[in-house]
Amino acid sequence: MSALPEVLPPALPSRVQRMSCPLVLLGAAVLAGCVAYAPGELALGSPVDALRQRMGEPTARHALPDGTTRLEYARGPAGLHTFMVDVDAAGRVQSWTQVLEGPSFARVQPGWSLAQVRREFGTPTQDHAYARLAQRVWSYRWNSWDCTWFQVTFSLPQEEVSATGSGPDPRCEVDNDRTD
């Protein structure tokens, strides 16, 4: 009986290999932890324990002025979605929303504090300080059709919003000169 020849798949271009590895790791992590990506069909009024069973531990907690707590579920570190879940003092889910989207970004106004932006949108994808300009810029990835990210500029040392805008997301830049 002869051995069957070993059939190897064709080599994938290195760019495809680089893109697929994080996706495989994300899928494995979600399956291993049985954690849902989004709140989905979680009913309002559900206990916070049901939320944790569904989505895991939040990536951050934010105290809101009305005494409720906002739980941040950033799907990153370079993800396109962040879910904010508001929980009342009794530990019941009051509302949830995916905050990284155009209409949400449009609400940001000059004068908002750094803490207020963090409460509304969570941890930024990138945080850069420009000492000579006395500015700090937060960049948020989001699911935009034109591969841009939302950027918030804070004046320093006040840490207040001085400008907002969008710019090209570096993840979408393609090096057409590469040969690998």
Protein backbone atom coordinates (compact mmCIF):
# COMPACT_ATOMS: atom_id res chain seq x y z
CA MET A 1 0.00 0.00 0.00
CA SER A 2 1.55 3.27 -1.04
CA ALA A 3 1.40 6.41 1.01
CA LEU A 4 -0.82 9.16 -0.27
CA PRO A 5 1.06 12.23 -1.41
CA GLU A 6 0.90 15.14 1.00
CA VAL A 7 -1.11 17.98 -0.48
CA LEU A 8 -0.15 21.37 0.81
CA PRO A 9 -2.29 24.45 0.31
CA PRO A 10 -0.70 27.22 -1.71
CA ALA A 11 1.13 29.77 0.39
CA LEU A 12 -0.96 32.75 1.34
CA PRO A 13 0.41 36.21 0.69
CA SER A 14 1.93 37.59 3.89
CA ARG A 15 -0.67 40.41 3.98
CA VAL A 16 -3.48 37.84 4.17
CA GLN A 17 -1.61 35.93 6.85
CA ARG A 18 -1.21 39.12 8.91
CA MET A 19 -4.90 39.95 8.58
CA SER A 20 -6.24 36.48 9.31
CA CYS A 21 -4.20 35.76 12.44
CA PRO A 22 -5.93 38.42 14.63
CA LEU A 23 -9.32 37.27 13.37
CA VAL A 24 -8.59 33.67 14.30
CA LEU A 25 -7.36 34.74 17.74
CA LEU A 26 -10.45 36.89 18.30
CA GLY A 27 -12.73 34.02 17.29
CA ALA A 28 -10.91 31.61 19.59
CA ALA A 29 -11.08 34.04 22.51
CA VAL A 30 -14.81 34.61 22.05
CA LEU A 31 -15.54 30.89 21.79
CA ALA A 32 -13.29 29.99 24.71
CA GLY A 33 -14.94 32.50 27.01
CA CYS A 34 -18.46 32.11 25.62
CA VAL A 35 -18.62 35.89 25.58
CA ALA A 36 -20.97 37.74 23.26
CA TYR A 37 -19.66 40.60 21.16
CA ALA A 38 -22.70 42.84 21.78
CA PRO A 39 -25.54 43.08 24.32
CA GLY A 40 -27.92 41.92 21.57
CA GLU A 41 -31.18 40.69 23.01
CA LEU A 42 -30.31 41.46 26.63
CA ALA A 43 -33.56 42.81 28.08
CA LEU A 44 -33.66 46.21 29.75
CA GLY A 45 -34.04 45.70 33.49
CA SER A 46 -31.79 42.64 33.44
CA PRO A 47 -29.41 42.34 36.38
CA VAL A 48 -25.81 43.36 35.81
CA ASP A 49 -24.81 39.72 36.48
CA ALA A 50 -26.70 38.67 33.33
CA LEU A 51 -24.80 41.35 31.41
CA ARG A 52 -21.46 40.06 32.73
CA GLN A 53 -22.39 36.49 31.85
CA ARG A 54 -23.21 37.62 28.32
CA MET A 55 -20.36 40.08 27.66
CA GLY A 56 -17.73 39.44 30.32
CA GLU A 57 -16.14 42.10 32.49
CA PRO A 58 -16.33 45.68 31.21
CA THR A 59 -13.18 47.36 29.95
CA ALA A 60 -13.97 50.44 32.09
CA ARG A 61 -16.55 51.88 34.46
CA HIS A 62 -17.73 55.51 34.41
CA ALA A 63 -19.76 57.25 37.13
CA LEU A 64 -22.50 59.41 35.62
CA PRO A 65 -23.82 62.63 37.22
CA ASP A 66 -27.26 61.10 37.91
CA GLY A 67 -25.78 58.33 40.08
CA THR A 68 -25.91 55.59 37.45
CA THR A 69 -22.86 53.73 36.20
CA ARG A 70 -21.81 53.38 32.58
CA LEU A 71 -20.04 50.14 31.75
CA GLU A 72 -17.72 50.31 28.75
CA TYR A 73 -17.26 47.28 26.51
CA ALA A 74 -14.58 48.27 24.00
CA ARG A 75 -14.14 45.69 21.27
CA GLY A 76 -10.55 46.39 20.46
CA PRO A 77 -7.83 47.35 21.04
CA ALA A 78 -8.34 48.54 17.49
CA GLY A 79 -11.95 47.49 17.19
CA LEU A 80 -14.68 49.37 15.42
CA HIS A 81 -17.30 49.14 18.18
CA THR A 82 -17.64 50.21 21.80
CA PHE A 83 -20.82 49.40 23.68
CA MET A 84 -21.85 51.58 26.62
CA VAL A 85 -24.30 50.01 29.05
CA ASP A 86 -25.94 52.21 31.69
CA VAL A 87 -26.78 50.46 34.95
CA ASP A 88 -28.88 51.97 37.75
CA ALA A 89 -27.97 52.01 41.46
CA ALA A 90 -29.87 48.72 41.94
CA GLY A 91 -27.64 47.00 39.37
CA ARG A 92 -30.20 46.78 36.55
CA VAL A 93 -29.48 47.50 32.88
CA GLN A 94 -31.22 50.75 31.88
CA SER A 95 -29.93 51.19 28.32
CA TRP A 96 -27.14 50.28 25.96
CA THR A 97 -25.75 51.72 22.76
CA GLN A 98 -22.90 51.27 20.31
CA VAL A 99 -21.22 54.68 20.51
CA LEU A 100 -18.59 54.67 17.75
CA GLU A 101 -20.68 56.11 14.92
CA GLY A 102 -21.15 59.39 13.07
CA PRO A 103 -24.30 60.69 14.81
CA SER A 104 -22.71 60.12 18.23
CA PHE A 105 -19.52 61.91 17.21
CA ALA A 106 -21.54 64.89 15.97
CA ARG A 107 -22.62 65.62 19.56
CA VAL A 108 -19.09 66.51 20.72
CA GLN A 109 -18.73 70.24 21.30
CA PRO A 110 -15.79 72.53 22.01
CA GLY A 111 -15.35 72.81 25.77
CA TRP A 112 -16.20 69.18 26.56
CA SER A 113 -13.74 67.80 29.09
CA LEU A 114 -11.44 64.87 28.48
CA ALA A 115 -13.43 62.93 31.12
CA GLN A 116 -16.70 63.69 29.32
CA VAL A 117 -15.37 62.41 25.99
CA ARG A 118 -14.08 59.26 27.70
CA ARG A 119 -17.51 58.71 29.33
CA GLU A 120 -19.24 59.06 25.97
CA PHE A 121 -16.86 57.10 23.69
CA GLY A 122 -14.55 55.11 25.92
CA THR A 123 -10.86 54.52 25.54
CA PRO A 124 -9.46 55.90 22.27
CA THR A 125 -7.61 53.73 19.76
CA GLN A 126 -4.68 56.15 19.89
CA ASP A 127 -3.71 58.93 22.27
CA HIS A 128 -1.03 61.41 21.15
CA ALA A 129 0.28 64.45 23.01
CA TYR A 130 1.88 67.30 21.09
CA ALA A 131 3.74 69.35 23.69
CA ARG A 132 4.84 72.12 21.32
CA LEU A 133 1.26 72.67 20.19
CA ALA A 134 -0.14 72.25 23.72
CA GLN A 135 -2.57 69.66 22.32
CA ARG A 136 -3.62 66.10 22.86
CA VAL A 137 -5.37 64.13 20.11
CA TRP A 138 -7.54 61.08 20.63
CA SER A 139 -8.35 58.94 17.60
CA TYR A 140 -11.26 56.47 17.46
CA ARG A 141 -11.63 53.76 14.84
CA TRP A 142 -15.17 53.19 13.67
CA ASN A 143 -17.01 51.42 10.90
CA SER A 144 -16.91 54.21 8.31
CA TRP A 145 -17.46 53.59 4.63
CA ASP A 146 -14.39 55.64 3.68
CA CYS A 147 -11.94 54.22 6.23
CA THR A 148 -11.54 57.32 8.35
CA TRP A 149 -11.26 57.68 12.06
CA PHE A 150 -12.78 60.28 14.34
CA GLN A 151 -10.33 62.56 16.08
CA VAL A 152 -10.79 64.82 19.09
CA THR A 153 -8.24 67.55 19.81
CA PHE A 154 -7.91 68.78 23.39
CA SER A 155 -6.17 72.02 24.34
CA LEU A 156 -3.65 71.65 27.14
CA PRO A 157 -3.40 72.10 30.06
CA GLN A 158 -7.20 72.59 30.31
CA GLU A 159 -7.92 69.22 28.65
CA GLU A 160 -10.96 70.64 26.89
CA VAL A 161 -12.11 69.86 23.35
CA SER A 162 -10.83 72.52 20.96
CA ALA A 163 -11.65 70.75 17.67
CA THR A 164 -13.00 67.53 16.17
CA GLY A 165 -12.70 66.02 12.75
CA SER A 166 -11.85 62.93 10.81
CA GLY A 167 -8.77 61.78 9.02
CA PRO A 168 -7.49 58.76 7.12
CA ASP A 169 -7.17 55.68 9.28
CA PRO A 170 -3.58 54.39 9.01
CA ARG A 171 -4.81 50.77 8.94
CA CYS A 172 -6.24 51.41 5.49
CA GLU A 173 -3.08 52.81 3.98
CA VAL A 174 -1.75 50.40 1.40
CA ASP A 175 1.89 50.15 0.45
CA ASN A 176 1.66 49.40 -3.27
CA ASP A 177 5.43 49.16 -3.55
CA ARG A 178 5.68 46.02 -1.40
CA THR A 179 6.53 42.79 -3.17
CA ASP A 180 5.77 40.21 -0.46
